[in-house]
Every structure is written in structure tokens, then in C-alpha cells.
Amino acid sequence: MVQLREIDVPTLILWGEQDALFPREEQERLAAAIPGATLKIYPETGHAVHWERPEQVVRDLDAFMEEARTA
């Protein structure tokens, strides 16, 4: 099993601040464990950010991938 600290690719973590399944502290620990990870927090959004904010998720993914390409 790969350890999180061994991940060496750009990583984007999407999280809704009203997620009832996974608390923010857990997402922050996950982001801290993956070198260079980005945690994107969606206000007034639950667990399924891609269902609740599909347009914003697409914009954020596009921007993240563009930034990763040019880095």
C-alpha cells in the first residue's frame, strides 16, 4: 500500500464544509500528509461536491490541471 507521503503527483482534495461523513480536520490531515496537496473547501456544500456544485468543480479542476501542466 502506498503511503500518502510517497504521492508525488499534483493532488487536489475537494471537500464540502457541510460534509456529514468526513470532518474538516480529517481533510486537513490528509492534505498535510500528501506533499504539495491542495485542499479546496466549498462553502454551504455537503459530501458530494461534484453533484452539488458541478460547474464550480469543473472550473476548479480545469484551473488545477492547467496549473499542474505549467508547474
N, C-alpha and C. Protein backbone atom coordinates (compact mmCIF):
# COMPACT_ATOMS: atom_id res chain seq x y z
N MET A 1 0.83 -1.19 0.00
CA MET A 1 0.00 0.00 0.00
C MET A 1 0.88 1.26 0.00
N VAL A 2 0.53 2.21 -0.81
CA VAL A 2 1.30 3.46 -0.91
C VAL A 2 1.01 4.33 0.32
N GLN A 3 2.09 4.86 0.88
CA GLN A 3 1.94 5.80 1.98
C GLN A 3 1.62 7.17 1.38
N LEU A 4 0.79 7.93 2.03
CA LEU A 4 0.39 9.23 1.49
C LEU A 4 1.58 10.13 1.21
N ARG A 5 2.58 10.10 2.06
CA ARG A 5 3.74 10.97 1.87
C ARG A 5 4.55 10.61 0.64
N GLU A 6 4.30 9.42 0.07
CA GLU A 6 5.01 8.98 -1.13
C GLU A 6 4.34 9.45 -2.43
N ILE A 7 3.17 10.02 -2.33
CA ILE A 7 2.48 10.52 -3.53
C ILE A 7 3.26 11.71 -4.05
N ASP A 8 3.67 11.64 -5.32
CA ASP A 8 4.49 12.72 -5.87
C ASP A 8 3.88 13.31 -7.14
N VAL A 9 2.58 13.37 -7.18
CA VAL A 9 1.86 13.99 -8.28
C VAL A 9 0.95 15.07 -7.70
N PRO A 10 0.61 16.08 -8.50
CA PRO A 10 -0.32 17.11 -8.00
C PRO A 10 -1.62 16.46 -7.53
N THR A 11 -2.07 16.86 -6.35
CA THR A 11 -3.25 16.26 -5.74
C THR A 11 -4.21 17.36 -5.29
N LEU A 12 -5.44 17.26 -5.73
CA LEU A 12 -6.48 18.20 -5.35
C LEU A 12 -7.53 17.47 -4.53
N ILE A 13 -7.79 17.96 -3.34
CA ILE A 13 -8.81 17.39 -2.46
C ILE A 13 -9.98 18.36 -2.42
N LEU A 14 -11.15 17.88 -2.79
CA LEU A 14 -12.36 18.70 -2.79
C LEU A 14 -13.20 18.30 -1.58
N TRP A 15 -13.66 19.28 -0.82
CA TRP A 15 -14.42 18.99 0.39
C TRP A 15 -15.49 20.04 0.62
N GLY A 16 -16.69 19.59 0.95
CA GLY A 16 -17.79 20.49 1.29
C GLY A 16 -17.82 20.74 2.78
N GLU A 17 -17.93 22.00 3.19
CA GLU A 17 -17.86 22.33 4.61
C GLU A 17 -19.02 21.77 5.43
N GLN A 18 -20.06 21.30 4.78
CA GLN A 18 -21.17 20.69 5.49
C GLN A 18 -21.17 19.16 5.33
N ASP A 19 -20.03 18.60 4.99
CA ASP A 19 -19.88 17.15 4.82
C ASP A 19 -20.17 16.47 6.16
N ALA A 20 -21.19 15.63 6.19
CA ALA A 20 -21.56 14.93 7.42
C ALA A 20 -20.79 13.63 7.61
N LEU A 21 -20.04 13.20 6.60
CA LEU A 21 -19.30 11.94 6.69
C LEU A 21 -17.86 12.11 7.14
N PHE A 22 -17.19 13.14 6.63
CA PHE A 22 -15.78 13.34 6.93
C PHE A 22 -15.56 14.75 7.44
N PRO A 23 -15.01 14.90 8.64
CA PRO A 23 -14.81 16.23 9.21
C PRO A 23 -13.65 16.97 8.55
N ARG A 24 -13.67 18.28 8.71
CA ARG A 24 -12.61 19.13 8.12
C ARG A 24 -11.23 18.73 8.63
N GLU A 25 -11.13 18.42 9.90
CA GLU A 25 -9.82 18.05 10.47
C GLU A 25 -9.22 16.86 9.72
N GLU A 26 -10.05 15.92 9.34
CA GLU A 26 -9.58 14.76 8.60
C GLU A 26 -9.07 15.16 7.22
N GLN A 27 -9.76 16.09 6.57
CA GLN A 27 -9.33 16.56 5.26
C GLN A 27 -8.02 17.35 5.36
N GLU A 28 -7.89 18.13 6.42
CA GLU A 28 -6.66 18.89 6.62
C GLU A 28 -5.48 17.96 6.89
N ARG A 29 -5.72 16.88 7.66
CA ARG A 29 -4.66 15.90 7.90
C ARG A 29 -4.26 15.20 6.60
N LEU A 30 -5.25 14.87 5.79
CA LEU A 30 -5.00 14.23 4.50
C LEU A 30 -4.16 15.14 3.61
N ALA A 31 -4.54 16.40 3.51
CA ALA A 31 -3.81 17.35 2.69
C ALA A 31 -2.38 17.55 3.21
N ALA A 32 -2.22 17.57 4.52
CA ALA A 32 -0.89 17.74 5.11
C ALA A 32 -0.01 16.52 4.88
N ALA A 33 -0.61 15.35 4.76
CA ALA A 33 0.15 14.11 4.58
C ALA A 33 0.64 13.92 3.15
N ILE A 34 -0.01 14.57 2.19
CA ILE A 34 0.37 14.44 0.77
C ILE A 34 1.18 15.68 0.40
N PRO A 35 2.45 15.50 0.05
CA PRO A 35 3.29 16.66 -0.27
C PRO A 35 2.68 17.53 -1.38
N GLY A 36 2.54 18.81 -1.09
CA GLY A 36 2.05 19.75 -2.08
C GLY A 36 0.58 19.65 -2.41
N ALA A 37 -0.19 18.89 -1.65
CA ALA A 37 -1.62 18.75 -1.93
C ALA A 37 -2.35 20.07 -1.72
N THR A 38 -3.43 20.23 -2.46
CA THR A 38 -4.28 21.41 -2.34
C THR A 38 -5.65 20.97 -1.84
N LEU A 39 -6.12 21.61 -0.78
CA LEU A 39 -7.46 21.35 -0.25
C LEU A 39 -8.36 22.50 -0.64
N LYS A 40 -9.38 22.19 -1.42
CA LYS A 40 -10.36 23.18 -1.87
C LYS A 40 -11.64 22.95 -1.07
N ILE A 41 -12.08 23.97 -0.35
CA ILE A 41 -13.26 23.86 0.51
C ILE A 41 -14.42 24.62 -0.13
N TYR A 42 -15.55 23.93 -0.24
CA TYR A 42 -16.75 24.51 -0.83
C TYR A 42 -17.73 24.87 0.28
N PRO A 43 -18.00 26.17 0.46
CA PRO A 43 -18.96 26.58 1.48
C PRO A 43 -20.37 26.12 1.14
N GLU A 44 -21.15 25.92 2.17
CA GLU A 44 -22.56 25.54 2.02
C GLU A 44 -22.74 24.34 1.10
N THR A 45 -21.84 23.37 1.22
CA THR A 45 -21.86 22.19 0.37
C THR A 45 -21.63 20.96 1.24
N GLY A 46 -22.31 19.88 0.90
CA GLY A 46 -22.18 18.64 1.65
C GLY A 46 -21.10 17.73 1.09
N HIS A 47 -21.30 16.42 1.26
CA HIS A 47 -20.30 15.42 0.90
C HIS A 47 -20.06 15.32 -0.61
N ALA A 48 -21.09 15.44 -1.41
CA ALA A 48 -20.98 15.22 -2.85
C ALA A 48 -20.80 16.55 -3.59
N VAL A 49 -19.61 17.13 -3.46
CA VAL A 49 -19.38 18.45 -4.07
C VAL A 49 -19.59 18.41 -5.58
N HIS A 50 -19.27 17.32 -6.22
CA HIS A 50 -19.41 17.22 -7.68
C HIS A 50 -20.87 17.21 -8.11
N TRP A 51 -21.77 16.78 -7.24
CA TRP A 51 -23.21 16.81 -7.56
C TRP A 51 -23.82 18.16 -7.21
N GLU A 52 -23.37 18.71 -6.09
CA GLU A 52 -23.96 19.95 -5.60
C GLU A 52 -23.44 21.20 -6.31
N ARG A 53 -22.19 21.17 -6.77
CA ARG A 53 -21.55 22.33 -7.40
C ARG A 53 -20.78 21.89 -8.65
N PRO A 54 -21.46 21.23 -9.60
CA PRO A 54 -20.73 20.67 -10.75
C PRO A 54 -19.98 21.71 -11.58
N GLU A 55 -20.57 22.86 -11.80
CA GLU A 55 -19.90 23.87 -12.62
C GLU A 55 -18.64 24.39 -11.93
N GLN A 56 -18.74 24.62 -10.63
CA GLN A 56 -17.59 25.12 -9.88
C GLN A 56 -16.50 24.06 -9.81
N VAL A 57 -16.88 22.80 -9.63
CA VAL A 57 -15.90 21.71 -9.59
C VAL A 57 -15.16 21.63 -10.92
N VAL A 58 -15.87 21.73 -12.03
CA VAL A 58 -15.22 21.68 -13.34
C VAL A 58 -14.24 22.85 -13.49
N ARG A 59 -14.65 24.04 -13.09
CA ARG A 59 -13.74 25.20 -13.17
C ARG A 59 -12.50 24.99 -12.31
N ASP A 60 -12.71 24.50 -11.10
CA ASP A 60 -11.58 24.28 -10.19
C ASP A 60 -10.65 23.18 -10.71
N LEU A 61 -11.22 22.10 -11.23
CA LEU A 61 -10.40 21.03 -11.80
C LEU A 61 -9.60 21.54 -13.00
N ASP A 62 -10.24 22.30 -13.86
CA ASP A 62 -9.57 22.84 -15.03
C ASP A 62 -8.41 23.74 -14.61
N ALA A 63 -8.65 24.62 -13.66
CA ALA A 63 -7.60 25.52 -13.19
C ALA A 63 -6.46 24.74 -12.53
N PHE A 64 -6.80 23.72 -11.75
CA PHE A 64 -5.79 22.90 -11.09
C PHE A 64 -4.93 22.17 -12.11
N MET A 65 -5.56 21.57 -13.10
CA MET A 65 -4.82 20.84 -14.13
C MET A 65 -3.95 21.78 -14.96
N GLU A 66 -4.45 22.96 -15.27
CA GLU A 66 -3.65 23.93 -16.02
C GLU A 66 -2.43 24.35 -15.21
N GLU A 67 -2.63 24.61 -13.93
CA GLU A 67 -1.52 24.99 -13.07
C GLU A 67 -0.50 23.86 -12.98
N ALA A 68 -0.97 22.62 -12.88
CA ALA A 68 -0.07 21.46 -12.80
C ALA A 68 0.73 21.30 -14.08
N ARG A 69 0.12 21.60 -15.22
CA ARG A 69 0.81 21.49 -16.51
C ARG A 69 1.95 22.49 -16.64
N THR A 70 1.74 23.68 -16.08
CA THR A 70 2.73 24.74 -16.24
C THR A 70 3.75 24.78 -15.11
N ALA A 71 3.56 23.96 -14.10
CA ALA A 71 4.49 23.97 -12.94
C ALA A 71 5.77 23.20 -13.24
